[in-house]
Protein backbone atom coordinates (compact mmCIF):
# COMPACT_ATOMS: atom_id res chain seq x y z
CA MET A 1 -8.15 14.30 2.29
CA PRO A 2 -7.85 16.99 -0.41
CA THR A 3 -9.86 20.17 0.13
CA GLN A 4 -11.48 22.55 -2.31
CA GLY A 5 -10.66 26.24 -2.41
CA ARG A 6 -9.16 29.10 -4.35
CA VAL A 7 -5.49 29.28 -5.27
CA LYS A 8 -3.42 31.37 -7.63
CA GLY A 9 -0.07 30.60 -9.19
CA SER A 10 1.89 30.96 -12.40
CA ALA A 11 3.74 27.66 -12.67
CA GLY A 12 2.61 24.95 -15.04
CA ARG A 13 0.10 25.04 -17.87
CA GLY A 14 -1.05 28.64 -17.59
CA ASP A 15 -2.59 30.12 -14.45
CA VAL A 16 -4.11 27.79 -11.89
CA GLU A 17 -6.51 30.37 -10.50
CA GLY A 18 -10.09 29.25 -10.05
CA GLU A 19 -12.72 27.85 -7.76
CA GLY A 20 -13.08 24.13 -7.09
CA LEU A 21 -9.41 23.18 -7.61
CA LEU A 22 -8.20 20.29 -5.48
CA LEU A 23 -5.73 21.57 -2.90
CA TYR A 24 -3.43 19.10 -1.19
CA LEU A 25 -1.50 19.74 1.98
CA VAL A 26 2.28 19.53 1.71
CA TYR A 27 2.43 16.41 3.90
CA GLN A 28 0.05 14.61 1.52
CA VAL A 29 2.34 14.93 -1.51
CA THR A 30 5.76 14.75 0.17
CA ALA A 31 7.75 12.67 2.60
CA PHE A 32 9.90 14.51 5.13
CA LEU A 33 13.51 13.45 4.57
CA ARG A 34 14.52 12.26 8.03
CA GLY A 35 16.95 9.39 7.45
CA PRO A 36 16.87 5.75 6.34
CA GLU A 37 14.09 3.37 7.32
CA PRO A 38 15.68 -0.05 7.80
CA ALA A 39 13.86 -3.06 6.41
CA GLY A 40 14.06 -6.02 8.75
CA GLY A 41 13.73 -9.65 7.79
CA SER A 42 14.26 -13.09 9.25
CA VAL A 43 13.31 -16.75 8.88
CA GLY A 44 11.03 -17.97 11.64
CA ALA A 45 9.12 -20.99 12.82
CA PHE A 46 5.37 -21.04 12.91
CA GLY A 47 3.07 -23.29 14.90
CA LYS A 48 -0.58 -24.43 14.97
CA LEU A 49 -1.59 -24.94 11.37
CA SER A 50 -2.96 -27.72 9.18
CA GLY A 51 -0.76 -29.39 6.60
CA ASP A 52 2.84 -30.52 6.27
CA GLY A 53 5.50 -27.87 6.79
CA GLY A 54 8.27 -29.86 5.10
CA LYS A 55 11.91 -30.55 5.98
CA LEU A 56 12.77 -26.87 6.36
CA ALA A 57 10.16 -26.55 9.12
CA GLN A 58 11.63 -29.63 10.83
CA GLN A 59 15.11 -28.07 10.81
CA LEU A 60 13.82 -24.79 12.23
CA ALA A 61 11.98 -26.66 14.98
CA LYS A 62 15.16 -28.61 15.78
CA ASN A 63 17.14 -25.36 16.06
CA MET A 64 14.47 -23.93 18.39
CA TYR A 65 14.57 -27.00 20.64
CA GLU A 66 18.37 -26.82 20.80
CA LYS A 67 18.16 -23.26 22.11
CA MET A 68 15.92 -24.65 24.87
CA ARG A 69 18.57 -27.29 25.55
CA ILE A 70 16.31 -30.08 24.30
CA THR A 71 18.12 -32.63 22.14
CA LEU A 72 16.04 -34.20 19.36
CA SER A 73 16.77 -35.67 15.96
CA ILE A 74 14.92 -34.46 12.88
CA SER A 75 13.16 -37.82 12.57
CA ASP A 76 11.64 -37.27 16.04
CA ILE A 77 10.01 -33.99 14.98
CA ASN A 78 6.53 -34.04 13.44
CA ALA A 79 6.18 -31.13 10.98
CA ASP A 80 2.46 -31.59 10.34
CA ASN A 81 1.65 -28.46 12.37
CA ILE A 82 4.85 -26.45 11.81
CA ALA A 83 5.65 -24.09 8.93
CA ALA A 84 8.79 -22.27 7.84
CA VAL A 85 8.05 -18.61 7.15
CA MET A 86 9.82 -15.41 6.17
CA VAL A 87 9.08 -12.44 8.45
CA THR A 88 9.62 -8.93 7.05
CA ALA A 89 8.83 -5.37 8.15
CA ASN A 90 9.69 -1.74 7.38
CA MET A 91 10.63 0.22 10.47
CA PRO A 92 9.49 3.85 10.34
CA ALA A 93 11.70 6.58 11.71
CA PHE A 94 11.16 8.16 15.15
CA LEU A 95 9.97 4.91 16.76
CA GLU A 96 11.30 4.44 20.26
CA VAL A 97 12.29 1.25 22.06
CA GLY A 98 9.10 -0.52 23.12
CA SER A 99 7.00 0.81 20.22
CA ARG A 100 5.21 -1.65 17.96
CA MET A 101 4.96 -2.08 14.18
CA ASP A 102 3.23 -4.45 11.73
CA VAL A 103 5.00 -7.45 10.23
CA LEU A 104 4.37 -9.50 7.08
CA ILE A 105 4.68 -13.29 7.10
CA SER A 106 5.15 -15.42 3.96
CA SER A 107 5.46 -19.19 3.72
CA ILE A 108 8.80 -20.36 2.28
CA GLY A 109 8.39 -24.08 2.94
CA ALA A 110 5.85 -26.71 1.98
CA ALA A 111 2.98 -25.30 4.06
CA GLU A 112 -0.03 -24.34 1.94
CA ASN A 113 -2.15 -22.65 4.61
CA LEU A 114 -1.09 -20.39 7.50
CA GLN A 115 -4.60 -19.91 8.82
CA GLY A 116 -4.95 -20.16 12.59
CA GLY A 117 -1.21 -20.21 13.28
CA THR A 118 0.97 -18.39 15.77
CA LEU A 119 4.39 -16.98 14.98
CA LEU A 120 7.04 -17.97 17.49
CA GLN A 121 9.50 -15.35 18.74
CA THR A 122 11.54 -14.20 15.72
CA PRO A 123 14.24 -11.48 15.73
CA LEU A 124 14.16 -9.01 12.81
CA GLN A 125 17.58 -8.05 11.49
CA GLY A 126 18.52 -5.11 9.31
CA ALA A 127 20.99 -5.12 6.44
CA ASP A 128 23.74 -4.27 8.93
CA GLY A 129 23.07 -7.49 10.86
CA HIS A 130 21.73 -5.74 13.96
CA VAL A 131 18.46 -6.85 15.54
CA TYR A 132 15.98 -3.95 15.50
CA ALA A 133 12.76 -5.71 16.57
CA VAL A 134 11.31 -9.02 17.75
CA ALA A 135 8.08 -10.38 16.22
CA GLN A 136 5.62 -12.82 17.76
CA GLY A 137 1.88 -13.46 17.89
CA PRO A 138 -1.21 -14.87 16.11
CA LEU A 139 -1.56 -14.34 12.36
CA SER A 140 -4.32 -12.76 10.31
CA THR A 141 -4.48 -14.25 6.81
CA GLY A 142 -7.57 -12.53 5.39
CA GLY A 143 -8.43 -15.73 3.51
CA PHE A 144 -8.81 -19.47 3.78
CA ALA A 145 -8.21 -22.74 1.98
CA ALA A 146 -10.30 -25.88 2.27
CA GLY A 147 -10.83 -28.98 0.19
CA GLY A 148 -10.75 -32.70 -0.20
CA LYS A 149 -9.26 -35.22 -2.59
CA ALA A 150 -11.29 -34.09 -5.61
CA ALA A 151 -11.67 -30.34 -5.14
CA THR A 152 -10.31 -27.36 -3.21
CA LEU A 153 -11.63 -23.91 -2.40
CA THR A 154 -9.25 -21.00 -1.82
CA LYS A 155 -9.95 -17.34 -1.00
CA ASN A 156 -7.16 -14.75 -1.32
CA HIS A 157 -3.66 -15.99 -0.41
CA PRO A 158 -3.59 -18.22 2.70
CA THR A 159 0.21 -18.51 2.49
CA VAL A 160 0.68 -14.80 3.31
CA ALA A 161 -0.42 -13.16 6.56
CA ARG A 162 0.13 -10.12 8.78
CA ILE A 163 0.44 -9.46 12.49
CA PRO A 164 -0.82 -5.96 13.30
CA SER A 165 1.54 -4.41 15.87
CA GLY A 166 3.23 -7.80 16.02
CA ALA A 167 6.83 -6.59 16.45
CA ILE A 168 8.34 -4.77 19.43
CA ILE A 169 11.17 -2.31 18.71
CA GLU A 170 14.38 -3.40 20.45
CA LYS A 171 16.78 -0.82 18.95
CA ARG A 172 16.06 2.78 18.00
CA VAL A 173 17.13 4.19 14.64
CA SER A 174 19.15 7.34 15.22
CA THR A 175 17.24 10.29 13.71
CA ILE A 176 18.58 13.74 14.57
CA ILE A 177 17.05 16.99 13.27
CA ARG A 178 19.08 20.05 14.21
CA PRO A 179 17.35 23.45 14.22
CA LEU A 180 20.22 25.05 12.26
CA ASP A 181 20.03 22.54 9.39
CA ASP A 182 17.90 23.00 6.27
CA LEU A 183 14.84 20.77 5.92
CA HIS A 184 14.37 18.62 2.81
CA PHE A 185 10.96 17.43 1.62
CA VAL A 186 10.96 14.64 -0.96
CA PHE A 187 7.91 14.48 -3.26
CA HIS A 188 6.20 11.17 -3.95
CA ALA A 189 6.17 11.82 -7.72
CA PRO A 190 8.97 13.81 -9.42
CA ASP A 191 7.51 16.83 -11.20
CA TYR A 192 9.05 20.28 -11.75
CA THR A 193 5.68 22.02 -11.98
CA THR A 194 4.49 20.61 -8.66
CA ILE A 195 7.72 21.44 -6.84
CA VAL A 196 7.74 25.04 -8.14
CA ARG A 197 4.13 25.48 -7.03
CA ALA A 198 5.02 24.08 -3.62
CA ALA A 199 7.94 26.49 -3.29
CA GLU A 200 5.68 29.42 -4.19
CA SER A 201 3.11 28.31 -1.61
CA VAL A 202 5.72 27.95 1.15
CA ASN A 203 7.34 31.30 0.27
CA SER A 204 3.96 33.02 0.47
CA VAL A 205 3.93 32.09 4.19
CA PHE A 206 7.66 32.07 4.98
CA LYS A 207 9.25 34.54 2.57
CA GLY A 208 12.30 33.19 0.75
CA ALA A 209 12.49 29.99 2.79
CA ALA A 210 11.83 27.38 0.07
CA VAL A 211 14.11 26.58 -2.87
CA PRO A 212 13.50 23.73 -5.36
CA VAL A 213 16.63 21.55 -5.55
CA ASP A 214 15.45 19.31 -8.38
CA ALA A 215 12.22 17.68 -9.62
CA ILE A 216 11.72 15.75 -6.38
CA THR A 217 13.41 17.66 -3.52
CA LEU A 218 12.32 20.92 -1.89
CA LYS A 219 14.83 22.57 0.46
CA ILE A 220 13.40 24.82 3.17
CA GLU A 221 15.52 27.06 5.40
CA VAL A 222 14.34 27.28 8.99
CA PRO A 223 13.51 30.92 9.87
CA PHE A 224 15.48 32.49 12.72
CA GLU A 225 12.54 32.59 15.11
CA PHE A 226 12.09 28.78 14.80
CA ARG A 227 15.75 27.79 15.27
CA THR A 228 15.26 26.22 18.66
CA SER A 229 14.51 22.61 19.54
CA GLU A 230 11.23 23.66 21.16
CA ARG A 231 9.90 25.54 18.09
CA LEU A 232 11.32 23.41 15.27
CA ALA A 233 8.45 20.90 15.47
CA MET A 234 5.95 23.79 15.27
CA PHE A 235 7.64 25.06 12.08
CA ILE A 236 7.59 21.61 10.42
CA SER A 237 3.90 21.25 11.29
CA GLN A 238 3.07 24.64 9.75
CA VAL A 239 4.96 23.78 6.56
CA GLN A 240 3.15 20.45 6.23
CA MET A 241 -0.23 22.19 6.47
CA ILE A 242 0.46 24.60 3.58
CA LYS A 243 -1.78 23.92 0.59
CA VAL A 244 -0.36 23.13 -2.87
CA VAL A 245 -1.84 22.16 -6.26
CA PRO A 246 0.02 19.12 -7.65
CA ASP A 247 0.41 18.89 -11.40
CA SER A 248 -1.40 16.12 -13.22
CA PRO A 249 0.73 14.75 -16.09
CA ALA A 250 -0.86 13.63 -19.36
CA ARG A 251 -0.60 9.90 -18.83
CA VAL A 252 -2.53 6.73 -19.64
CA VAL A 253 -1.76 3.71 -17.45
CA VAL A 254 -2.81 0.30 -18.76
CA ASN A 255 -2.77 -3.06 -16.99
CA GLU A 256 -3.05 -5.69 -19.70
CA ARG A 257 -3.46 -8.54 -17.21
CA THR A 258 -6.66 -7.16 -15.67
CA GLY A 259 -7.86 -4.84 -18.44
CA THR A 260 -7.67 -1.79 -16.13
CA ILE A 261 -7.20 1.63 -17.76
CA VAL A 262 -6.56 4.90 -15.90
CA VAL A 263 -6.61 8.12 -17.94
CA GLY A 264 -5.14 11.36 -16.60
CA GLU A 265 -6.92 14.70 -16.64
CA HIS A 266 -4.77 16.33 -19.36
CA VAL A 267 -4.87 13.45 -21.85
CA LYS A 268 -5.89 14.56 -25.34
CA ILE A 269 -6.73 12.60 -28.51
CA SER A 270 -6.52 14.20 -31.94
CA THR A 271 -9.41 13.71 -34.33
CA VAL A 272 -9.09 10.18 -35.67
CA ALA A 273 -11.19 7.44 -37.29
CA ILE A 274 -11.18 4.07 -35.52
CA SER A 275 -12.38 0.68 -36.71
CA HIS A 276 -12.06 -2.20 -34.26
CA GLY A 277 -13.41 -5.70 -34.69
CA SER A 278 -13.03 -8.88 -32.70
CA LEU A 279 -12.14 -12.35 -33.95
CA THR A 280 -13.57 -15.36 -32.09
CA ILE A 281 -12.34 -18.90 -32.77
CA SER A 282 -14.25 -21.80 -31.19
CA ILE A 283 -12.77 -25.30 -31.16
CA LYS A 284 -14.93 -28.25 -30.10
CA GLU A 285 -13.55 -31.74 -29.64
CA THR A 286 -15.96 -34.70 -29.92
CA THR A 287 -15.20 -38.38 -29.26
CA GLN A 288 -17.36 -40.87 -31.24
CA THR A 289 -17.54 -44.58 -30.44
CA SER A 290 -18.10 -47.19 -33.18
CA GLN A 291 -19.63 -50.49 -32.04
CA PRO A 292 -19.45 -53.70 -34.18
CA ASN A 293 -22.61 -55.58 -35.13
CA PRO A 294 -23.88 -58.27 -32.73
CA PHE A 295 -22.03 -61.60 -33.00
CA ALA A 296 -19.49 -59.98 -35.31
CA ASN A 297 -15.78 -60.33 -34.84
CA GLY A 298 -15.17 -56.60 -35.00
CA GLU A 299 -13.68 -54.37 -32.28
CA THR A 300 -15.00 -51.25 -30.63
CA THR A 301 -13.14 -48.18 -31.85
CA THR A 302 -13.17 -44.47 -31.03
CA GLU A 303 -12.76 -41.55 -33.40
CA GLU A 304 -11.84 -37.97 -32.58
CA SER A 305 -13.77 -35.22 -34.35
CA THR A 306 -12.78 -31.53 -34.29
CA ASP A 307 -15.17 -28.68 -35.23
CA ILE A 308 -13.69 -25.21 -35.73
CA THR A 309 -15.91 -22.12 -35.94
CA VAL A 310 -14.60 -18.64 -36.75
CA GLU A 311 -16.68 -15.51 -36.08
CA GLU A 312 -15.41 -12.12 -37.16
CA GLU A 313 -17.11 -8.78 -36.59
CA LYS A 314 -17.34 -6.31 -39.45
CA PRO A 315 -17.69 -2.92 -37.75
CA GLY A 316 -17.68 0.40 -39.53
CA MET A 317 -15.37 3.36 -39.01
CA HIS A 318 -16.01 5.58 -35.98
CA VAL A 319 -14.74 9.16 -35.90
CA VAL A 320 -13.48 10.30 -32.50
CA GLU A 321 -13.43 14.08 -32.32
CA ASP A 322 -10.81 16.12 -30.49
CA ALA A 323 -12.06 16.22 -26.88
CA ALA A 324 -11.56 19.29 -24.69
CA THR A 325 -12.27 17.67 -21.31
CA LEU A 326 -11.79 14.26 -19.75
CA SER A 327 -15.56 13.61 -19.67
CA GLU A 328 -15.83 14.39 -23.39
CA LEU A 329 -12.96 11.98 -24.07
CA ALA A 330 -14.67 9.24 -22.04
CA ASP A 331 -17.96 9.79 -23.89
CA ALA A 332 -16.23 9.60 -27.28
CA LEU A 333 -14.47 6.33 -26.42
CA ASN A 334 -17.62 4.81 -24.92
CA LEU A 335 -19.38 5.30 -28.27
CA LEU A 336 -17.08 2.63 -29.71
CA GLY A 337 -18.86 0.07 -27.54
CA VAL A 338 -15.76 -2.05 -26.89
CA SER A 339 -14.64 -3.91 -23.77
CA PRO A 340 -11.84 -2.61 -21.53
CA ARG A 341 -9.43 -5.22 -22.92
CA ASP A 342 -10.18 -4.07 -26.46
CA MET A 343 -9.67 -0.48 -25.31
CA VAL A 344 -6.11 -1.41 -24.33
CA SER A 345 -5.37 -2.33 -27.96
CA ILE A 346 -7.01 0.88 -29.16
CA PHE A 347 -4.83 3.06 -26.91
CA GLN A 348 -1.72 1.28 -28.17
CA ALA A 349 -2.78 1.86 -31.77
CA LEU A 350 -3.56 5.54 -31.04
CA LYS A 351 -0.07 5.98 -29.59
CA GLN A 352 1.55 4.43 -32.66
CA ALA A 353 -0.55 6.64 -34.94
CA GLY A 354 0.51 9.78 -33.06
CA ALA A 355 -3.08 10.64 -32.12
CA LEU A 356 -2.65 10.07 -28.37
CA GLN A 357 -1.19 13.24 -26.84
CA ALA A 358 -0.03 11.56 -23.64
CA GLU A 359 2.46 9.11 -22.19
CA LEU A 360 1.31 5.49 -22.44
CA ILE A 361 2.47 3.27 -19.57
CA ILE A 362 1.82 -0.49 -19.64
CA ILE A 363 2.23 -2.32 -16.35
């Protein structure tokens, strides 16, 4: 977790000296560059579930029986409780043979619910074709699906599940760190200001050891007194515990699908007048039945009637003053009294007008 304290530096937007600044440890904003992490994947069979697994599940079951030297035709295999799934995992570095890692299971056949199932033994292969781990065990879906002929009830995604510690490492990924080599720390978010601040913080403890390579990589030379296999781990631990103040870019992130808006600390809006109104169109379909008189030779007919109602707001102009802080900006926008989805349109219009002094990202 970030801690509060006092820090002083010169990189970025003026000095960063002051009380109450959020200080992050180096290991919280970087990833130690230690080699590739292979992603394993495989197609597996899955047993004990409700529903039809389809022809793919039948073929997988047939292949499994053949490995057991049991000869069956596909027509002899009942796939009502078998599913075909894709098993994937990311193997972290430094794991030894016999260690465990989590795996993700996704249905790729006709099965609509993996709840209550058990994954049969499935090897996980890397891109090089080598088997790095073997997965097996009961699944945790975190949801359910139930229903009848007229209605169904679904919570979360019952076709996706996980097995915590469900894979056993069979082959170790070679990761060698030599004491005489330079260490490289890769930042989660590329930013020149953050990496310069990090270099200054590291150099304040280990003089002249850190050099920024680019916006994302920090190279650190191992001091002479730590250039042994026994003390190298101690040096890496000390570097990871050094505090740094990451830069916060002026950025507005918008998710149009959910109406979520995240505004960065340094976002500014120039003084501007905003008028925003909503347009609501209601369409109502009505079916009317016309009956003939008694003993008449007429026929019963139906007529479709459509009623369209349009409601349009007529709001006035609202002046949004130049805000100095994020809280002032939030208060100014809240005075507009619009919904989050309407706020998405407002931010887009502010960007086009040149009044939004930030990067607008739509995801």
